[in-house]
Amino acid sequence: MEPDRFVDRVFKRVPDGPVSDFFFEHWSHEGKPTEEGIGILAVPGADPERVLACVFDVDHYAENIPHVDECRAIADPSYDPPTVRFYQRIRIPLIGKVHHELVLERLGSLRGYEVACWHMLARETEALSSRAAIRSHYSDGVWIAAAGVVGYGLSSAPRREDTGFLKWKALTVGADAAAPRVIRDNIEGMAGWAAR
């Protein structure tokens, strides 16, 4: 399963020692037009269980996480809690909106971190309207949390047929350039929410 392989690639890059500021690493992966990346931020007082509780509260992302326009759980008996299926639409400044359907699940503990990951539902995302927003081609991600530390990893790209050439370049090459800031923004948003 691709999300598991993505999590494996992330944990090959997670530092063994303590994180005292912001750690970011990115890498290319065969066949993907965008780089994958992981950011880990020291967040004094961060409680991993509170962080993951917010990660699974997808109905409140839009109020708490930067650039999320809409996010809502989708009732689906195929998934037992805490696993959740959800729809998400994100706003990329000056470019447009991207949307997809995802499944978020908890993986347990790994190397001292509590871990949750998501993967995109391809058929369900393809069925979304390309007029409402650009559909994702793929989206895998991971949240990790330990005492005083929060991390966020991402591997995503838009569907090429939903964009013109300039938007495609902005959403791929431009996304790679913006990744450290976007990942840090998301971590700070989630950590701030968990602390409230």
Protein backbone atom coordinates (compact mmCIF):
# COMPACT_ATOMS: atom_id res chain seq x y z
CA MET A 1 0.00 0.00 0.00
CA GLU A 2 1.53 3.33 -1.07
CA PRO A 3 0.77 5.26 2.16
CA ASP A 4 2.77 2.69 4.13
CA ARG A 5 5.70 3.05 1.74
CA PHE A 6 5.46 6.85 2.03
CA VAL A 7 5.55 6.59 5.83
CA ASP A 8 8.62 4.34 5.50
CA ARG A 9 10.33 6.96 3.33
CA VAL A 10 9.46 9.67 5.86
CA PHE A 11 10.88 7.73 8.80
CA LYS A 12 14.14 7.11 6.95
CA ARG A 13 14.61 10.88 7.22
CA VAL A 14 13.27 11.59 10.72
CA PRO A 15 16.30 12.50 12.86
CA ASP A 16 17.30 10.09 15.62
CA GLY A 17 18.11 12.83 18.11
CA PRO A 18 15.93 15.55 19.61
CA VAL A 19 14.49 18.30 17.41
CA SER A 20 15.18 21.73 18.91
CA ASP A 21 13.85 24.04 16.17
CA PHE A 22 12.42 23.33 12.69
CA PHE A 23 13.72 20.34 10.76
CA PHE A 24 12.81 20.00 7.07
CA GLU A 25 13.91 17.46 4.49
CA HIS A 26 12.67 16.82 0.96
CA TRP A 27 13.44 14.27 -1.72
CA SER A 28 12.44 13.12 -5.19
CA HIS A 29 10.59 9.86 -5.67
CA GLU A 30 10.44 8.01 -8.96
CA GLY A 31 7.52 8.91 -11.21
CA LYS A 32 6.28 11.83 -9.11
CA PRO A 33 6.26 15.40 -10.49
CA THR A 34 6.64 16.91 -7.02
CA GLU A 35 9.07 16.22 -4.22
CA GLU A 36 8.02 14.56 -0.98
CA GLY A 37 8.84 16.26 2.30
CA ILE A 38 8.74 16.11 6.07
CA GLY A 39 8.85 18.96 8.55
CA ILE A 40 9.23 18.56 12.30
CA LEU A 41 8.88 21.47 14.70
CA ALA A 42 9.78 21.74 18.37
CA VAL A 43 6.57 22.88 20.10
CA PRO A 44 7.11 23.23 23.85
CA GLY A 45 4.24 21.66 25.75
CA ALA A 46 2.79 19.79 22.75
CA ASP A 47 0.89 16.70 23.89
CA PRO A 48 0.81 13.95 21.23
CA GLU A 49 -2.65 12.69 22.16
CA ARG A 50 -4.15 16.17 21.98
CA VAL A 51 -2.44 16.77 18.64
CA LEU A 52 -3.79 13.53 17.16
CA ALA A 53 -7.26 14.25 18.55
CA CYS A 54 -7.22 17.46 16.46
CA VAL A 55 -5.79 15.61 13.43
CA PHE A 56 -8.88 13.36 13.49
CA ASP A 57 -11.31 16.26 14.01
CA VAL A 58 -11.52 16.84 10.26
CA ASP A 59 -14.80 18.77 10.50
CA HIS A 60 -12.93 21.67 12.14
CA TYR A 61 -9.86 21.92 9.88
CA ALA A 62 -11.21 24.94 7.99
CA GLU A 63 -11.35 26.97 11.21
CA ASN A 64 -7.87 26.00 12.38
CA ILE A 65 -5.51 24.98 9.56
CA PRO A 66 -4.19 27.53 7.03
CA HIS A 67 -5.48 27.30 3.45
CA VAL A 68 -8.22 24.75 4.18
CA ASP A 69 -11.46 26.05 2.63
CA GLU A 70 -13.65 23.04 3.38
CA CYS A 71 -13.16 19.77 5.18
CA ARG A 72 -15.84 17.34 6.32
CA ALA A 73 -16.12 13.73 7.38
CA ILE A 74 -18.05 11.38 5.09
CA ALA A 75 -20.09 8.64 6.75
CA ASP A 76 -18.75 5.32 5.49
CA PRO A 77 -19.31 2.02 7.33
CA SER A 78 -16.22 0.60 5.62
CA TYR A 79 -14.06 2.46 8.13
CA ASP A 80 -14.12 1.90 11.88
CA PRO A 81 -13.23 4.85 14.15
CA PRO A 82 -10.81 6.43 14.56
CA THR A 83 -10.24 5.85 10.81
CA VAL A 84 -12.20 8.50 8.93
CA ARG A 85 -13.05 9.15 5.29
CA PHE A 86 -13.29 12.84 4.43
CA TYR A 87 -13.57 15.45 1.69
CA GLN A 88 -11.13 18.37 1.63
CA ARG A 89 -10.75 21.48 -0.50
CA ILE A 90 -7.63 23.59 -0.05
CA ARG A 91 -6.87 27.08 -1.34
CA ILE A 92 -3.51 27.83 -2.89
CA PRO A 93 -2.90 31.60 -2.99
CA LEU A 94 -2.82 33.07 -6.52
CA ILE A 95 -3.31 29.62 -8.08
CA GLY A 96 -6.72 28.23 -7.19
CA LYS A 97 -8.33 25.42 -5.28
CA VAL A 98 -7.53 21.71 -5.12
CA HIS A 99 -9.86 19.02 -3.78
CA HIS A 100 -9.88 15.30 -3.04
CA GLU A 101 -11.34 12.55 -0.88
CA LEU A 102 -9.02 10.98 1.68
CA VAL A 103 -8.88 8.30 4.36
CA LEU A 104 -7.08 9.08 7.62
CA GLU A 105 -5.96 6.30 9.95
CA ARG A 106 -3.91 5.93 13.09
CA LEU A 107 -0.81 3.76 12.79
CA GLY A 108 0.16 3.70 16.48
CA SER A 109 3.66 4.40 17.80
CA LEU A 110 6.82 4.44 15.71
CA ARG A 111 10.26 5.47 16.97
CA GLY A 112 8.76 7.42 19.86
CA TYR A 113 6.15 9.25 17.75
CA GLU A 114 2.40 8.76 17.62
CA VAL A 115 1.58 8.44 13.91
CA ALA A 116 -1.47 9.04 11.72
CA CYS A 117 -1.40 8.88 7.93
CA TRP A 118 -3.76 9.51 5.07
CA HIS A 119 -4.08 8.44 1.48
CA MET A 120 -6.27 9.62 -1.35
CA LEU A 121 -9.25 7.66 -2.63
CA ALA A 122 -8.54 7.68 -6.38
CA ARG A 123 -11.96 6.71 -7.76
CA GLU A 124 -13.84 9.05 -5.43
CA THR A 125 -11.50 11.96 -6.20
CA GLU A 126 -11.77 11.36 -9.94
CA ALA A 127 -15.57 11.61 -9.61
CA LEU A 128 -15.34 15.11 -8.12
CA SER A 129 -16.03 18.13 -10.33
CA SER A 130 -13.00 19.57 -12.07
CA ARG A 131 -14.97 22.81 -12.43
CA ALA A 132 -15.30 23.28 -8.67
CA ALA A 133 -11.56 22.80 -8.08
CA ILE A 134 -8.51 21.03 -9.47
CA ARG A 135 -8.59 17.37 -8.50
CA SER A 136 -5.55 15.79 -6.88
CA HIS A 137 -3.65 13.14 -8.83
CA TYR A 138 -2.31 11.69 -5.57
CA SER A 139 -2.09 12.75 -1.93
CA ASP A 140 -0.35 10.79 0.81
CA GLY A 141 0.59 12.31 4.12
CA VAL A 142 1.53 11.76 7.72
CA TRP A 143 1.19 13.53 11.05
CA ILE A 144 3.65 12.59 13.79
CA ALA A 145 3.69 13.83 17.37
CA ALA A 146 5.76 13.27 20.49
CA ALA A 147 6.08 15.26 23.70
CA GLY A 148 7.08 18.76 22.61
CA VAL A 149 7.36 17.87 18.90
CA VAL A 150 4.90 17.91 15.95
CA GLY A 151 5.64 16.81 12.39
CA TYR A 152 3.85 16.80 9.04
CA GLY A 153 4.86 15.00 5.85
CA LEU A 154 3.31 15.29 2.40
CA SER A 155 3.43 13.77 -1.07
CA SER A 156 0.86 15.32 -3.41
CA ALA A 157 0.26 16.63 -6.90
CA PRO A 158 -2.69 17.87 -8.99
CA ARG A 159 -4.18 16.10 -11.99
CA ARG A 160 -2.42 17.43 -15.08
CA GLU A 161 -5.62 17.43 -17.17
CA ASP A 162 -7.34 19.79 -14.72
CA THR A 163 -4.82 22.61 -15.19
CA GLY A 164 -3.24 24.78 -17.82
CA PHE A 165 0.53 24.69 -18.28
CA LEU A 166 1.34 27.69 -16.08
CA LYS A 167 -0.86 26.48 -13.22
CA TRP A 168 0.65 23.01 -13.54
CA LYS A 169 4.15 24.46 -13.17
CA ALA A 170 3.06 26.61 -10.24
CA LEU A 171 1.45 23.60 -8.54
CA THR A 172 4.49 21.35 -9.03
CA VAL A 173 7.75 23.30 -9.26
CA GLY A 174 6.26 26.17 -7.27
CA ALA A 175 4.93 23.79 -4.63
CA ASP A 176 8.39 22.33 -4.10
CA ALA A 177 9.79 25.81 -3.49
CA ALA A 178 6.98 26.73 -1.09
CA ALA A 179 6.93 23.40 0.77
CA PRO A 180 9.01 24.37 3.83
CA ARG A 181 6.76 27.35 4.59
CA VAL A 182 3.50 25.51 3.88
CA ILE A 183 4.50 22.52 6.00
CA ARG A 184 5.59 24.75 8.87
CA ASP A 185 2.33 26.74 8.63
CA ASN A 186 0.31 23.52 8.86
CA ILE A 187 2.31 22.27 11.84
CA GLU A 188 1.92 25.59 13.65
CA GLY A 189 -1.81 25.60 12.89
CA MET A 190 -2.34 22.08 14.20
CA ALA A 191 -0.11 22.60 17.26
CA GLY A 192 -1.81 25.90 18.12
CA TRP A 193 -5.23 24.31 17.80
CA ALA A 194 -4.20 21.39 20.05
CA ALA A 195 -2.91 23.83 22.67
CA ARG A 196 -6.19 25.77 22.91
